[in-house]
Amino acid sequence: DRLTIKLRFVSQPWHLFSGIVTRGILAASATEGGKEAALRVMEGVYRHRDDFEFEDHSHGLNMDRTPADILREMSKLAGADLFAPFRLKSVDRALRWQVKYARQMGVHESPTFAIDHLVEPKMSSGQSIAEWTALLEPHFLHL
């Protein structure tokens, strides 16, 4: 009950659809389904990564896909039409905030973990819960 996990997005320009996918997730969060819709989109994009990625970041089947194609696919994953929320100024501001936050934190790759707003380079997605707990425990002493 004393642990808060926040997801921040890092749009990576070498992943050619990264900006569109990131903005689409934020658009899903702006729908009536909100957080649940955004989580469905993230899960779907992760499950079907090849539908949103290029081979070697430069070629492959997705070369003929348009941003509208990507957004249509993400709308199916969200269970909501994302075209109108994708254009919202609030979604634009949220995307810009995410990018600015990542830059200020020195985040250049995903995943990057931070504890108490400080990047923790010892923490990675390949670690066990026990390894994460060992890194987090010193931060719980002051609570």
Protein backbone atom coordinates (compact mmCIF):
# COMPACT_ATOMS: atom_id res chain seq x y z
CA ASP A 1 0.00 0.00 0.00
CA ARG A 2 3.05 2.29 0.01
CA LEU A 3 4.30 1.57 -3.49
CA THR A 4 3.18 3.60 -6.47
CA ILE A 5 4.15 2.53 -9.96
CA LYS A 6 3.95 5.10 -12.73
CA LEU A 7 4.47 4.36 -16.39
CA ARG A 8 6.12 7.03 -18.48
CA PHE A 9 6.44 6.77 -22.23
CA VAL A 10 9.64 7.13 -24.20
CA SER A 11 8.94 7.74 -27.86
CA GLN A 12 12.02 6.46 -29.66
CA PRO A 13 12.52 7.94 -33.15
CA TRP A 14 14.42 4.92 -34.47
CA HIS A 15 11.21 2.93 -33.95
CA LEU A 16 9.42 4.51 -36.88
CA PHE A 17 5.85 4.21 -35.54
CA SER A 18 6.84 5.00 -31.95
CA GLY A 19 5.36 8.49 -31.87
CA ILE A 20 2.09 7.33 -33.41
CA VAL A 21 1.81 4.35 -31.05
CA THR A 22 2.68 6.45 -28.00
CA ARG A 23 0.16 9.13 -28.95
CA GLY A 24 -2.43 6.39 -29.68
CA ILE A 25 -2.00 4.97 -26.17
CA LEU A 26 -2.48 8.44 -24.71
CA ALA A 27 -5.53 8.92 -26.96
CA ALA A 28 -6.97 5.66 -25.62
CA SER A 29 -6.50 6.99 -22.09
CA ALA A 30 -8.57 10.05 -23.09
CA THR A 31 -11.59 7.92 -24.06
CA GLU A 32 -14.43 7.01 -21.74
CA GLY A 33 -12.64 3.69 -21.11
CA GLY A 34 -9.61 5.66 -19.90
CA LYS A 35 -6.90 3.69 -18.18
CA GLU A 36 -8.41 0.31 -19.06
CA ALA A 37 -8.53 1.20 -22.78
CA ALA A 38 -4.91 2.38 -22.68
CA LEU A 39 -3.84 -0.84 -20.94
CA ARG A 40 -5.68 -2.92 -23.58
CA VAL A 41 -3.85 -1.03 -26.32
CA MET A 42 -0.47 -1.49 -24.65
CA GLU A 43 -1.13 -5.19 -24.17
CA GLY A 44 -2.27 -5.58 -27.78
CA VAL A 45 0.67 -3.68 -29.22
CA TYR A 46 3.04 -5.78 -27.13
CA ARG A 47 1.32 -9.02 -28.14
CA HIS A 48 1.41 -8.05 -31.84
CA ARG A 49 4.68 -6.11 -31.94
CA ASP A 50 5.43 -7.09 -35.54
CA ASP A 51 2.30 -5.22 -36.66
CA PHE A 52 3.77 -1.98 -35.29
CA GLU A 53 7.48 -2.37 -36.03
CA PHE A 54 9.90 -2.39 -38.93
CA GLU A 55 12.63 -4.92 -39.57
CA ASP A 56 15.94 -3.39 -38.50
CA HIS A 57 14.01 -0.11 -38.01
CA SER A 58 14.06 0.49 -41.76
CA HIS A 59 12.07 -1.95 -43.91
CA GLY A 60 9.54 -4.75 -44.01
CA LEU A 61 5.83 -5.32 -44.33
CA ASN A 62 4.91 -2.14 -42.46
CA MET A 63 6.46 0.14 -45.09
CA ASP A 64 3.06 0.51 -46.78
CA ARG A 65 1.11 1.19 -43.58
CA THR A 66 -0.01 4.73 -42.85
CA PRO A 67 -0.52 6.45 -39.50
CA ALA A 68 -4.27 6.02 -40.10
CA ASP A 69 -3.76 2.26 -40.53
CA ILE A 70 -1.90 2.10 -37.23
CA LEU A 71 -4.54 4.17 -35.45
CA ARG A 72 -7.34 1.96 -36.86
CA GLU A 73 -5.56 -1.11 -35.50
CA MET A 74 -5.07 0.55 -32.12
CA SER A 75 -8.75 1.55 -32.06
CA LYS A 76 -9.68 -2.12 -32.41
CA LEU A 77 -7.38 -2.97 -29.50
CA ALA A 78 -8.87 -0.18 -27.36
CA GLY A 79 -12.45 -1.03 -28.23
CA ALA A 80 -12.97 2.66 -29.03
CA ASP A 81 -12.46 5.00 -31.98
CA LEU A 82 -9.19 6.80 -31.28
CA PHE A 83 -9.23 9.23 -34.21
CA ALA A 84 -10.93 12.11 -32.37
CA PRO A 85 -8.96 11.72 -29.10
CA PHE A 86 -5.72 11.42 -31.12
CA ARG A 87 -6.29 15.06 -32.21
CA LEU A 88 -7.05 16.44 -28.73
CA LYS A 89 -4.79 19.24 -27.48
CA SER A 90 -4.70 17.47 -24.10
CA VAL A 91 -3.26 14.36 -25.78
CA ASP A 92 -0.70 16.51 -27.59
CA ARG A 93 0.29 18.17 -24.29
CA ALA A 94 0.52 14.76 -22.59
CA LEU A 95 2.79 13.40 -25.33
CA ARG A 96 5.03 16.46 -25.14
CA TRP A 97 5.16 16.17 -21.34
CA GLN A 98 6.19 12.50 -21.58
CA VAL A 99 8.99 13.35 -24.02
CA LYS A 100 10.18 16.30 -21.92
CA TYR A 101 10.10 14.22 -18.72
CA ALA A 102 12.18 11.45 -20.32
CA ARG A 103 14.73 13.94 -21.63
CA GLN A 104 15.04 15.68 -18.26
CA MET A 105 15.50 12.33 -16.54
CA GLY A 106 18.22 11.29 -19.01
CA VAL A 107 16.12 8.39 -20.27
CA HIS A 108 17.14 7.21 -23.72
CA GLU A 109 15.99 3.60 -23.81
CA SER A 110 13.10 1.47 -22.77
CA PRO A 111 12.66 0.13 -20.25
CA THR A 112 14.38 2.49 -17.85
CA PHE A 113 13.50 2.35 -14.17
CA ALA A 114 13.53 5.17 -11.65
CA ILE A 115 13.09 5.05 -7.90
CA ASP A 116 12.02 8.24 -6.16
CA HIS A 117 12.47 10.09 -9.47
CA LEU A 118 16.09 8.98 -9.90
CA VAL A 119 17.10 6.61 -12.70
CA GLU A 120 18.22 3.29 -11.23
CA PRO A 121 20.64 1.72 -13.72
CA LYS A 122 20.89 -1.50 -11.66
CA MET A 123 17.19 -2.27 -12.26
CA SER A 124 16.13 -4.07 -15.45
CA SER A 125 13.19 -5.91 -16.94
CA GLY A 126 15.09 -9.21 -16.86
CA GLN A 127 15.34 -9.30 -13.08
CA SER A 128 13.27 -11.27 -10.61
CA ILE A 129 10.85 -9.72 -8.12
CA ALA A 130 13.37 -10.57 -5.37
CA GLU A 131 16.07 -8.56 -7.16
CA TRP A 132 13.69 -5.62 -7.58
CA THR A 133 12.71 -5.84 -3.90
CA ALA A 134 16.37 -5.69 -2.87
CA LEU A 135 16.79 -2.49 -4.89
CA LEU A 136 13.56 -0.98 -3.53
CA GLU A 137 13.98 -1.88 0.17
CA PRO A 138 16.41 0.93 1.06
CA HIS A 139 13.81 3.43 -0.15
CA PHE A 140 11.14 2.06 2.20
CA LEU A 141 13.24 2.73 5.31
CA HIS A 142 12.27 6.41 5.36
CA LEU A 143 8.52 5.76 5.12
